[in-house]
N, C-alpha and C. Protein backbone atom coordinates (compact mmCIF):
# COMPACT_ATOMS: atom_id res chain seq x y z
N MET A 1 -186.19 -10.50 -203.48
CA MET A 1 -185.34 -10.91 -202.36
C MET A 1 -184.63 -10.20 -201.38
N GLY A 2 -184.52 -10.18 -200.51
CA GLY A 2 -184.10 -9.42 -198.95
C GLY A 2 -182.20 -10.08 -198.90
N LYS A 3 -182.28 -9.67 -198.05
CA LYS A 3 -180.79 -9.39 -197.19
C LYS A 3 -180.98 -10.29 -196.07
N ILE A 4 -180.40 -11.74 -196.30
CA ILE A 4 -180.05 -12.52 -195.12
C ILE A 4 -179.30 -12.24 -194.02
N CYS A 5 -179.44 -12.67 -192.19
CA CYS A 5 -178.31 -11.87 -191.27
C CYS A 5 -177.79 -13.77 -191.56
N ALA A 6 -176.44 -12.65 -191.40
CA ALA A 6 -175.19 -13.59 -191.56
C ALA A 6 -175.08 -14.42 -189.93
N ASN A 7 -175.72 -13.69 -189.21
CA ASN A 7 -176.44 -14.20 -187.37
C ASN A 7 -176.90 -15.27 -187.27
N CYS A 8 -178.25 -14.85 -187.68
CA CYS A 8 -179.68 -15.70 -187.10
C CYS A 8 -180.49 -16.51 -188.39
N GLY A 9 -179.75 -15.46 -189.18
CA GLY A 9 -179.94 -16.25 -191.10
C GLY A 9 -181.90 -15.51 -191.47
N THR A 10 -182.27 -14.76 -190.61
CA THR A 10 -183.36 -13.76 -191.02
C THR A 10 -183.65 -13.31 -192.29
N ASN A 11 -184.40 -13.82 -193.36
CA ASN A 11 -185.04 -12.73 -194.23
C ASN A 11 -185.16 -11.57 -194.18
N ASN A 12 -184.72 -10.42 -194.85
CA ASN A 12 -184.57 -9.08 -194.12
C ASN A 12 -184.92 -7.79 -195.68
N PRO A 13 -185.68 -7.03 -195.55
CA PRO A 13 -186.12 -6.13 -197.28
C PRO A 13 -184.91 -5.68 -197.18
N GLU A 14 -184.82 -5.56 -198.95
CA GLU A 14 -183.24 -4.96 -199.10
C GLU A 14 -182.95 -3.44 -198.29
N ASN A 15 -183.27 -2.78 -198.56
CA ASN A 15 -183.29 -1.08 -197.63
C ASN A 15 -183.02 -1.57 -196.07
N TYR A 16 -183.49 -2.45 -195.13
CA TYR A 16 -182.60 -2.69 -193.72
C TYR A 16 -181.30 -2.52 -193.76
N LYS A 17 -180.80 -1.97 -192.77
CA LYS A 17 -179.06 -1.58 -192.36
C LYS A 17 -179.15 -2.89 -191.33
N TYR A 18 -179.55 -3.07 -190.44
CA TYR A 18 -179.89 -4.27 -189.61
C TYR A 18 -180.74 -5.03 -189.53
N CYS A 19 -180.58 -6.31 -188.78
CA CYS A 19 -181.54 -7.33 -189.08
C CYS A 19 -183.36 -7.17 -187.81
N SER A 20 -184.17 -7.65 -188.47
CA SER A 20 -184.93 -7.33 -188.01
C SER A 20 -184.70 -8.09 -186.78
N SER A 21 -184.70 -9.44 -186.93
CA SER A 21 -185.16 -10.31 -185.12
C SER A 21 -183.85 -9.93 -184.41
N CYS A 22 -182.42 -9.94 -184.99
CA CYS A 22 -181.55 -10.65 -183.84
C CYS A 22 -180.74 -8.74 -184.01
N GLY A 23 -180.31 -7.87 -184.68
CA GLY A 23 -180.59 -6.09 -184.69
C GLY A 23 -178.92 -6.30 -185.24
N HIS A 24 -178.13 -7.56 -185.79
CA HIS A 24 -176.67 -7.47 -186.32
C HIS A 24 -177.31 -7.12 -187.69
N GLU A 25 -175.90 -6.36 -187.55
CA GLU A 25 -175.35 -5.77 -188.44
C GLU A 25 -175.86 -6.97 -189.99
N LEU A 26 -176.54 -5.88 -190.82
CA LEU A 26 -176.73 -6.85 -192.90
C LEU A 26 -175.37 -6.65 -193.31
N PRO A 27 -174.88 -7.31 -194.76
CA PRO A 27 -174.58 -7.16 -195.70
C PRO A 27 -174.92 -6.62 -196.47
N LYS A 28 -173.93 -5.15 -196.90
CA LYS A 28 -174.32 -4.34 -197.36
C LYS A 28 -174.05 -5.29 -199.70
N THR A 29 -175.43 -4.87 -200.08
CA THR A 29 -175.36 -5.71 -201.72
C THR A 29 -174.35 -4.33 -202.37
N GLU A 30 -174.09 -5.13 -203.87
CA GLU A 30 -173.44 -3.45 -204.74
C GLU A 30 -174.67 -2.49 -204.80
N THR A 31 -175.78 -3.30 -205.21
CA THR A 31 -176.46 -2.64 -205.53
C THR A 31 -176.89 -1.62 -204.60
N ALA A 32 -177.12 -1.87 -203.52
CA ALA A 32 -177.80 -1.28 -202.15
C ALA A 32 -176.65 0.06 -202.11
N GLU A 33 -175.17 -0.48 -202.42
CA GLU A 33 -174.11 0.60 -201.91
C GLU A 33 -174.03 1.60 -203.12
N ALA A 34 -174.32 1.07 -203.82
CA ALA A 34 -174.58 2.32 -205.26
C ALA A 34 -175.56 3.44 -205.25
N GLY A 35 -176.55 2.32 -204.42
CA GLY A 35 -178.02 3.68 -204.45
C GLY A 35 -177.75 4.38 -203.49
N GLN A 36 -176.88 4.38 -202.30
CA GLN A 36 -175.94 5.34 -201.39
C GLN A 36 -175.88 5.78 -201.80
N ALA A 37 -174.15 5.55 -202.59
CA ALA A 37 -173.13 7.02 -202.97
C ALA A 37 -173.89 7.97 -204.02
N MET A 38 -174.56 7.30 -204.80
CA MET A 38 -175.77 8.25 -205.64
C MET A 38 -176.46 9.04 -204.95
N HIS A 39 -177.01 8.51 -203.95
CA HIS A 39 -177.88 9.56 -203.08
C HIS A 39 -177.10 10.54 -202.80
N VAL A 40 -175.81 9.71 -201.88
CA VAL A 40 -174.74 11.20 -201.80
C VAL A 40 -174.25 11.96 -202.08
N ALA A 41 -174.10 11.59 -203.87
CA ALA A 41 -173.38 12.26 -204.62
C ALA A 41 -174.10 13.45 -205.17
N MET A 42 -175.15 12.98 -205.37
CA MET A 42 -176.36 13.46 -205.99
C MET A 42 -177.57 13.29 -205.18
N PRO A 43 -178.09 14.66 -204.30
CA PRO A 43 -178.38 14.62 -203.98
C PRO A 43 -180.38 15.30 -204.02
N TYR A 44 -180.97 15.42 -204.35
CA TYR A 44 -181.70 16.29 -205.08
C TYR A 44 -182.28 17.11 -204.03
N ILE A 45 -181.67 18.75 -205.06
CA ILE A 45 -182.54 19.78 -204.28
C ILE A 45 -182.55 20.88 -205.15
N PRO A 46 -184.05 21.04 -204.77
CA PRO A 46 -185.15 21.74 -205.54
C PRO A 46 -183.85 23.21 -205.91
N LYS A 47 -184.33 23.25 -207.10
CA LYS A 47 -184.17 24.72 -207.67
C LYS A 47 -184.66 26.17 -207.32
N LYS A 48 -183.90 27.40 -206.84
CA LYS A 48 -184.68 27.99 -206.20
C LYS A 48 -185.00 28.57 -207.03
N LYS A 49 -185.69 29.96 -207.40
CA LYS A 49 -185.74 30.94 -207.85
C LYS A 49 -184.95 31.92 -207.23
N SER A 50 -185.26 33.58 -208.09
CA SER A 50 -184.46 34.07 -207.39
C SER A 50 -185.47 35.30 -207.29
N ASN A 51 -186.36 35.31 -206.30
CA ASN A 51 -187.49 36.34 -205.88
C ASN A 51 -187.16 37.34 -205.12
N GLY A 52 -185.64 37.74 -204.77
CA GLY A 52 -184.65 38.90 -204.15
C GLY A 52 -185.28 40.05 -204.96
N LYS A 53 -185.04 40.45 -206.31
CA LYS A 53 -185.46 41.28 -206.85
C LYS A 53 -187.23 41.91 -206.96
N LEU A 54 -187.44 41.21 -207.09
CA LEU A 54 -189.12 41.62 -207.17
C LEU A 54 -189.54 41.59 -205.91
N ILE A 55 -189.17 40.93 -204.95
CA ILE A 55 -189.77 40.91 -203.62
C ILE A 55 -190.13 42.83 -203.27
N LEU A 56 -187.87 43.04 -203.63
CA LEU A 56 -187.44 44.38 -203.50
C LEU A 56 -188.44 45.27 -204.16
N PHE A 57 -188.66 45.29 -205.60
CA PHE A 57 -189.50 45.69 -206.44
C PHE A 57 -190.69 45.95 -205.82
N ILE A 58 -191.70 45.12 -204.77
CA ILE A 58 -192.94 45.01 -204.41
C ILE A 58 -192.90 46.06 -203.34
N LEU A 59 -191.86 45.46 -202.20
CA LEU A 59 -192.22 46.70 -201.40
C LEU A 59 -191.67 48.14 -201.32
N GLY A 60 -190.48 48.15 -202.61
CA GLY A 60 -190.88 49.54 -202.77
C GLY A 60 -191.98 50.25 -203.30
N ALA A 61 -192.88 49.30 -203.86
CA ALA A 61 -193.92 49.64 -205.01
C ALA A 61 -195.13 49.88 -203.42
N VAL A 62 -195.13 48.97 -202.13
CA VAL A 62 -195.62 49.25 -201.55
C VAL A 62 -195.55 50.09 -200.80
N LEU A 63 -194.61 50.70 -200.37
CA LEU A 63 -194.26 51.70 -199.63
C LEU A 63 -194.14 52.85 -200.33
N PHE A 64 -194.57 53.46 -201.87
CA PHE A 64 -194.15 54.94 -202.06
C PHE A 64 -195.77 54.67 -202.53
N TYR A 65 -196.66 53.18 -202.29
CA TYR A 65 -197.82 54.02 -203.03
C TYR A 65 -198.42 54.15 -201.16
N THR A 66 -197.85 53.17 -200.25
CA THR A 66 -198.54 54.05 -199.17
C THR A 66 -198.06 55.36 -198.84
N ILE A 67 -197.05 55.95 -198.68
CA ILE A 67 -196.35 57.49 -198.38
C ILE A 67 -196.90 58.13 -199.17
N ILE A 68 -197.38 58.33 -200.52
CA ILE A 68 -198.55 59.07 -201.70
C ILE A 68 -199.98 58.51 -200.52
N ALA A 69 -199.80 57.86 -200.34
CA ALA A 69 -201.61 57.95 -200.53
C ALA A 69 -201.91 58.22 -198.53
N PHE A 70 -201.19 58.56 -197.73
CA PHE A 70 -200.87 59.42 -196.83
C PHE A 70 -200.43 60.83 -196.78
N ALA A 71 -200.25 60.55 -197.78
CA ALA A 71 -200.04 62.57 -198.06
C ALA A 71 -201.17 63.12 -198.73
N ILE A 72 -201.87 62.48 -199.12
CA ILE A 72 -203.10 62.42 -199.95
C ILE A 72 -204.25 62.52 -199.10
N LYS A 73 -203.85 61.37 -198.19
CA LYS A 73 -204.80 61.60 -197.48
C LYS A 73 -205.21 62.83 -196.01
N SER A 74 -203.74 63.44 -195.81
CA SER A 74 -203.39 64.40 -194.57
C SER A 74 -204.18 65.50 -195.29
N VAL A 75 -203.52 65.85 -196.43
CA VAL A 75 -204.10 66.95 -197.42
C VAL A 75 -206.09 67.03 -197.48
N SER A 76 -206.12 65.83 -197.69
CA SER A 76 -207.83 65.66 -198.11
C SER A 76 -208.35 65.90 -196.82
N HIS A 77 -208.01 64.94 -195.88
CA HIS A 77 -207.83 65.26 -194.29
C HIS A 77 -208.45 66.62 -193.93
N SER A 78 -206.57 66.81 -194.07
CA SER A 78 -207.13 68.23 -193.18
C SER A 78 -208.21 69.74 -193.95
N SER A 79 -208.59 69.64 -195.39
CA SER A 79 -209.39 70.28 -196.93
C SER A 79 -210.26 69.66 -196.25
N PHE A 80 -211.19 68.31 -195.55
CA PHE A 80 -212.42 68.11 -195.56
C PHE A 80 -212.75 68.20 -193.87
N PHE A 81 -212.11 68.56 -193.22
CA PHE A 81 -212.22 68.91 -191.65
C PHE A 81 -212.46 70.78 -191.86
N PHE A 82 -211.61 71.20 -192.53
CA PHE A 82 -211.36 73.18 -192.90
C PHE A 82 -213.28 73.28 -193.42
N ASN A 83 -212.92 72.36 -194.59
CA ASN A 83 -214.70 72.53 -195.42
C ASN A 83 -215.95 72.28 -194.39
N LYS A 84 -215.93 71.66 -193.45
CA LYS A 84 -216.90 70.61 -192.06
C LYS A 84 -216.78 72.14 -191.27
N VAL A 85 -216.13 72.68 -191.06
CA VAL A 85 -215.70 73.38 -190.22
C VAL A 85 -216.81 75.22 -190.98
N MET A 86 -216.42 74.99 -191.86
CA MET A 86 -216.58 76.09 -192.94
C MET A 86 -218.41 76.22 -192.96
N VAL A 87 -218.54 75.01 -193.43
CA VAL A 87 -220.40 74.82 -193.87
C VAL A 87 -221.32 74.86 -192.26
N LYS A 88 -220.53 74.52 -191.10
CA LYS A 88 -220.99 75.06 -189.74
C LYS A 88 -220.91 76.18 -189.77
N MET A 89 -220.50 76.78 -189.70
CA MET A 89 -220.16 78.91 -189.83
C MET A 89 -221.57 79.41 -190.45
N ALA A 90 -221.55 78.87 -191.74
CA ALA A 90 -222.56 79.04 -192.78
C ALA A 90 -223.64 78.77 -192.35
N ASP A 91 -223.63 77.87 -191.97
CA ASP A 91 -224.85 77.83 -190.81
C ASP A 91 -225.64 77.62 -190.02
N ALA A 92 -224.80 77.99 -189.07
CA ALA A 92 -224.83 79.50 -187.87
C ALA A 92 -225.00 80.60 -188.34
N ILE A 93 -224.95 81.47 -189.04
CA ILE A 93 -224.56 82.34 -189.82
C ILE A 93 -226.06 82.89 -190.46
N ASN A 94 -226.45 81.52 -190.59
CA ASN A 94 -227.69 81.88 -191.41
C ASN A 94 -229.08 81.82 -191.26
N LYS A 95 -229.01 80.77 -189.57
CA LYS A 95 -230.23 81.27 -189.00
C LYS A 95 -230.15 81.75 -188.78
N SER A 96 -229.39 82.85 -188.70
CA SER A 96 -230.35 84.56 -187.56
C SER A 96 -230.35 85.85 -189.22
N CYS A 97 -230.04 84.84 -190.27
CA CYS A 97 -230.35 85.84 -191.52
C CYS A 97 -231.92 85.93 -191.77
N PRO A 98 -232.43 87.11 -192.78
CA PRO A 98 -231.46 87.75 -192.99
C PRO A 98 -231.17 88.44 -191.90
N GLN A 99 -230.60 89.59 -191.95
CA GLN A 99 -230.06 90.58 -190.99
C GLN A 99 -229.62 91.96 -190.92
N MET A 100 -229.64 93.07 -190.55
CA MET A 100 -229.10 94.13 -190.64
C MET A 100 -228.00 94.23 -190.02
N ILE A 101 -226.78 94.89 -190.89
CA ILE A 101 -225.45 95.06 -190.33
C ILE A 101 -225.32 96.23 -190.47
N ASP A 102 -225.89 97.46 -190.67
CA ASP A 102 -225.48 98.42 -190.87
C ASP A 102 -226.57 99.01 -191.61
N ASN A 103 -226.77 101.07 -191.56
CA ASN A 103 -227.78 101.53 -192.55
C ASN A 103 -227.99 100.80 -193.92
N GLY A 104 -228.68 100.11 -194.30
CA GLY A 104 -229.11 99.81 -195.46
C GLY A 104 -228.14 98.66 -196.42
N ILE A 105 -227.60 98.03 -195.54
CA ILE A 105 -227.22 97.02 -195.57
C ILE A 105 -227.22 95.83 -195.03
N ARG A 106 -228.41 95.00 -195.68
CA ARG A 106 -228.72 93.74 -194.86
C ARG A 106 -227.70 92.46 -195.51
N LEU A 107 -227.94 91.49 -194.00
CA LEU A 107 -226.88 90.32 -194.71
C LEU A 107 -228.12 89.31 -194.44
N ASP A 108 -227.91 88.60 -195.89
CA ASP A 108 -228.93 87.74 -196.67
C ASP A 108 -228.52 86.07 -196.41
N ASN A 109 -227.18 86.11 -196.58
CA ASN A 109 -227.16 84.36 -196.23
C ASN A 109 -225.87 84.59 -196.43
N VAL A 110 -224.51 83.51 -196.38
CA VAL A 110 -223.26 82.96 -196.49
C VAL A 110 -223.54 81.68 -196.50
N GLN A 111 -222.51 81.02 -198.27
CA GLN A 111 -222.34 80.48 -198.43
C GLN A 111 -220.55 79.47 -198.65
N VAL A 112 -220.21 78.78 -198.89
CA VAL A 112 -218.95 77.87 -198.43
C VAL A 112 -219.21 76.76 -200.48
N GLN A 113 -218.46 77.97 -201.36
CA GLN A 113 -218.28 77.50 -201.99
C GLN A 113 -216.60 76.70 -202.32
N PRO A 114 -217.22 76.46 -204.14
CA PRO A 114 -215.82 75.09 -204.25
C PRO A 114 -214.51 76.46 -203.95
N GLY A 115 -213.36 75.41 -203.93
CA GLY A 115 -211.79 76.60 -203.78
C GLY A 115 -211.69 76.63 -202.43
N ASN A 116 -212.49 76.62 -201.73
CA ASN A 116 -211.58 76.82 -200.40
C ASN A 116 -212.47 78.44 -200.30
N THR A 117 -213.40 79.05 -200.65
CA THR A 117 -214.39 80.62 -200.67
C THR A 117 -215.95 80.30 -199.91
N PHE A 118 -215.68 81.43 -198.96
CA PHE A 118 -216.57 81.76 -198.05
C PHE A 118 -216.96 83.05 -198.70
N GLN A 119 -218.29 82.87 -199.17
CA GLN A 119 -219.14 83.96 -199.98
C GLN A 119 -220.46 84.75 -199.23
N TYR A 120 -220.34 85.68 -198.74
CA TYR A 120 -221.17 86.58 -198.30
C TYR A 120 -222.12 87.57 -198.66
N SER A 121 -223.14 86.98 -199.05
CA SER A 121 -224.30 87.76 -200.58
C SER A 121 -225.77 88.85 -198.61
N TYR A 122 -225.27 89.87 -200.00
CA TYR A 122 -225.69 91.11 -199.41
C TYR A 122 -226.77 92.39 -199.59
N THR A 123 -227.78 92.82 -199.62
CA THR A 123 -228.51 93.44 -200.11
C THR A 123 -228.22 95.30 -200.21
N LEU A 124 -228.33 95.95 -200.46
CA LEU A 124 -228.86 96.83 -199.87
C LEU A 124 -229.93 97.85 -200.75
N THR A 125 -230.60 98.10 -199.18
CA THR A 125 -232.07 98.01 -199.32
C THR A 125 -232.56 99.63 -199.05
N GLU A 126 -231.07 99.93 -199.57
CA GLU A 126 -231.64 101.72 -199.53
C GLU A 126 -232.13 102.28 -201.29
N VAL A 127 -231.12 101.55 -201.40
CA VAL A 127 -230.32 101.85 -203.00
C VAL A 127 -231.54 101.62 -204.08
N GLY A 128 -232.21 102.20 -204.56
CA GLY A 128 -233.48 101.50 -205.70
C GLY A 128 -232.97 101.60 -207.20
N ASP A 129 -234.14 101.44 -207.96
CA ASP A 129 -233.52 101.55 -209.12
C ASP A 129 -232.96 102.33 -209.55
N ALA A 130 -232.25 103.09 -208.94
CA ALA A 130 -231.93 104.23 -209.86
C ALA A 130 -230.42 104.01 -210.44
N PRO A 131 -229.67 103.86 -211.93
CA PRO A 131 -228.48 104.14 -212.48
C PRO A 131 -227.13 104.64 -211.39
N MET A 132 -226.18 103.24 -211.20
CA MET A 132 -225.33 104.42 -210.11
C MET A 132 -223.82 103.23 -210.44
N ASP A 133 -222.89 103.90 -210.34
CA ASP A 133 -221.25 103.57 -210.41
C ASP A 133 -221.19 102.35 -209.64
N THR A 134 -221.29 101.29 -209.92
CA THR A 134 -220.95 99.73 -209.01
C THR A 134 -219.54 99.87 -209.28
N ASN A 135 -218.89 100.57 -210.22
CA ASN A 135 -216.80 100.40 -209.62
C ASN A 135 -217.15 101.31 -208.77
N GLN A 136 -217.13 102.67 -209.25
CA GLN A 136 -217.31 103.28 -207.62
C GLN A 136 -217.61 102.80 -206.40
N ILE A 137 -218.59 102.40 -206.31
CA ILE A 137 -218.51 102.03 -204.55
C ILE A 137 -217.98 100.60 -205.11
N LYS A 138 -217.69 99.63 -205.06
CA LYS A 138 -216.90 98.62 -205.19
C LYS A 138 -215.65 99.45 -204.79
N ALA A 139 -214.80 100.75 -205.27
CA ALA A 139 -213.24 101.12 -205.25
C ALA A 139 -213.52 101.23 -203.87
N LEU A 140 -214.46 101.71 -203.42
CA LEU A 140 -214.76 102.85 -202.16
C LEU A 140 -214.74 101.59 -201.56
N ALA A 141 -215.91 100.50 -201.24
CA ALA A 141 -215.77 99.51 -200.03
C ALA A 141 -214.34 98.31 -199.94
N GLU A 142 -213.41 98.38 -201.02
CA GLU A 142 -212.44 97.41 -201.14
C GLU A 142 -211.30 97.25 -199.96
N PRO A 143 -211.14 98.77 -199.76
CA PRO A 143 -209.63 98.61 -198.79
C PRO A 143 -210.42 98.37 -197.82
N LYS A 144 -212.01 99.30 -197.71
CA LYS A 144 -212.45 98.70 -196.18
C LYS A 144 -212.70 96.90 -195.98
N MET A 145 -213.01 96.70 -196.41
CA MET A 145 -212.91 94.94 -196.25
C MET A 145 -212.05 94.36 -196.35
N ILE A 146 -211.21 94.66 -197.00
CA ILE A 146 -209.89 93.90 -196.87
C ILE A 146 -209.26 94.45 -195.39
N GLU A 147 -209.22 95.72 -195.17
CA GLU A 147 -208.86 95.73 -193.10
C GLU A 147 -209.13 95.10 -192.83
N ALA A 148 -211.04 94.84 -192.90
CA ALA A 148 -211.78 93.81 -191.93
C ALA A 148 -211.46 92.30 -192.03
N VAL A 149 -211.06 92.25 -192.86
CA VAL A 149 -210.91 90.69 -192.95
C VAL A 149 -209.30 90.46 -192.17
N LYS A 150 -208.22 91.32 -192.63
CA LYS A 150 -206.66 91.05 -191.94
C LYS A 150 -207.34 91.59 -190.08
N THR A 151 -207.94 92.25 -189.55
CA THR A 151 -207.57 92.48 -188.17
C THR A 151 -208.58 92.41 -187.93
N ASN A 152 -210.11 91.21 -188.25
CA ASN A 152 -210.80 90.78 -187.40
C ASN A 152 -210.36 89.73 -186.65
N PRO A 153 -210.23 89.77 -185.86
CA PRO A 153 -210.18 88.13 -184.66
C PRO A 153 -211.17 86.95 -184.97
N GLU A 154 -212.45 87.53 -185.75
CA GLU A 154 -213.17 86.67 -185.81
C GLU A 154 -213.01 85.80 -187.35
N MET A 155 -212.13 86.64 -187.91
CA MET A 155 -211.72 85.81 -189.50
C MET A 155 -210.19 84.98 -189.55
N LYS A 156 -209.59 85.02 -187.87
CA LYS A 156 -208.14 84.54 -188.03
C LYS A 156 -208.59 82.74 -188.49
N MET A 157 -209.70 81.67 -188.25
CA MET A 157 -209.24 80.82 -188.82
C MET A 157 -209.19 81.49 -190.55
N LEU A 158 -210.17 81.56 -190.52
CA LEU A 158 -210.27 82.07 -192.10
C LEU A 158 -208.92 82.11 -192.92
N ARG A 159 -208.17 83.27 -192.72
CA ARG A 159 -207.24 83.36 -193.20
C ARG A 159 -206.21 82.29 -193.19
N ASP A 160 -206.00 81.82 -191.29
CA ASP A 160 -205.01 80.66 -191.10
C ASP A 160 -205.22 79.55 -192.24
N HIS A 161 -206.44 79.54 -193.44
CA HIS A 161 -206.77 78.90 -194.30
C HIS A 161 -206.82 79.60 -195.49
N LYS A 162 -205.81 80.90 -195.10
CA LYS A 162 -205.71 81.37 -196.93
C LYS A 162 -207.35 81.01 -197.77
N THR A 163 -208.41 81.52 -197.02
CA THR A 163 -209.74 81.72 -197.49
C THR A 163 -209.67 82.69 -197.91
N THR A 164 -210.53 82.59 -199.38
CA THR A 164 -210.92 83.17 -200.00
C THR A 164 -212.43 84.02 -199.92
N LEU A 165 -212.63 85.27 -199.55
CA LEU A 165 -213.64 85.38 -199.18
C LEU A 165 -214.36 86.60 -200.68
N ASN A 166 -215.65 86.10 -200.31
CA ASN A 166 -216.50 86.65 -201.19
C ASN A 166 -217.49 87.68 -201.39
N TYR A 167 -217.48 89.21 -201.40
CA TYR A 167 -219.13 89.81 -200.49
C TYR A 167 -219.70 90.18 -201.85
N CYS A 168 -221.00 89.75 -202.27
CA CYS A 168 -222.07 90.48 -202.99
C CYS A 168 -222.85 90.69 -203.32
N TYR A 169 -223.30 92.23 -203.37
CA TYR A 169 -223.82 93.01 -203.02
C TYR A 169 -225.14 92.97 -204.39
N HIS A 170 -226.50 93.05 -204.04
CA HIS A 170 -227.34 93.30 -204.82
C HIS A 170 -228.67 94.15 -204.34
N ARG A 171 -229.80 93.91 -205.53
CA ARG A 171 -230.18 95.58 -205.19
C ARG A 171 -231.73 94.74 -204.52
N ASN A 172 -232.26 96.01 -204.49
CA ASN A 172 -233.42 94.84 -203.50
C ASN A 172 -234.90 94.15 -204.04
N ASN A 173 -234.30 94.65 -205.19
CA ASN A 173 -235.24 93.93 -206.21
C ASN A 173 -234.52 92.38 -206.57
N GLY A 174 -233.22 92.03 -206.02
CA GLY A 174 -232.58 90.50 -206.25
C GLY A 174 -231.02 91.32 -207.57
N GLN A 175 -231.31 92.41 -208.29
CA GLN A 175 -230.01 92.59 -209.27
C GLN A 175 -229.16 92.48 -208.79
N TYR A 176 -228.22 91.93 -209.63
CA TYR A 176 -226.82 91.33 -208.69
C TYR A 176 -226.55 93.21 -209.12
N LEU A 177 -225.16 93.60 -208.04
CA LEU A 177 -224.71 94.87 -208.49
C LEU A 177 -223.35 94.07 -209.03
N PHE A 178 -222.62 93.99 -207.97
CA PHE A 178 -220.50 93.66 -207.64
C PHE A 178 -221.03 92.76 -206.57
N THR A 179 -219.44 92.55 -206.79
CA THR A 179 -218.79 91.09 -206.06
C THR A 179 -217.49 92.10 -205.12
N VAL A 180 -216.73 92.03 -204.29
CA VAL A 180 -215.82 92.30 -203.81
C VAL A 180 -214.58 91.27 -203.30
N ARG A 181 -213.79 90.96 -204.27
CA ARG A 181 -213.28 89.65 -204.36
C ARG A 181 -212.16 89.58 -203.09
N VAL A 182 -211.80 89.60 -202.47
CA VAL A 182 -210.83 89.08 -200.54
C VAL A 182 -209.88 87.71 -200.71
N THR A 183 -208.65 87.78 -201.28
CA THR A 183 -207.87 86.49 -201.47
C THR A 183 -206.83 86.70 -200.94
N ALA A 184 -206.15 85.47 -200.25
CA ALA A 184 -205.12 85.65 -199.46
C ALA A 184 -204.12 86.18 -199.38
N ASP A 185 -203.76 86.99 -200.44
CA ASP A 185 -202.10 87.31 -201.04
C ASP A 185 -202.57 88.60 -200.03
N GLN A 186 -204.27 89.30 -200.67
CA GLN A 186 -204.32 90.55 -199.58
C GLN A 186 -204.99 91.29 -198.58
N TYR A 187 -204.92 90.27 -198.12
CA TYR A 187 -204.92 90.13 -196.34
C TYR A 187 -203.55 89.45 -195.70
N GLU A 188 -202.86 88.80 -196.41
CA GLU A 188 -201.61 88.70 -195.25
C GLU A 188 -200.32 89.51 -195.44
């Protein structure tokens, strides 16, 4: 059943407000008015969930991990870069090894070791198999090496990165004798 237009008598669907034939306003039915009143009084409003706290938590967590990742990457990148520089330095020095650097002292090679350490390996070529007091030789050599690291301009980059320097000495037959270890606190 529809709405009958009072002006032209056309039967219109129940939900029309105006006649489809003449455009005249159609009479309001009680059920239609009640439905409209109900619709106006109680519109459907979907409930919104409060995601504000969750969003803030997620943003905070992302920001925190981004900052941490950036800090780690910066430190790692700097360490990684310097380690690559040390490896290139070692390769360049090793191309000219072995080489005599002083009377009876031969530089055999250099190595980059973990923990920001640069190691020089020497052979004392004029030391035979005779027993020797390695502690005494080490005690004499250490202050000179520390002073050389402090003052040698070629060591500046190693000093700037607080690199530990190991100077390992061997006999001509390869037997280990001693190591002089120079750390940043000794040359700063």
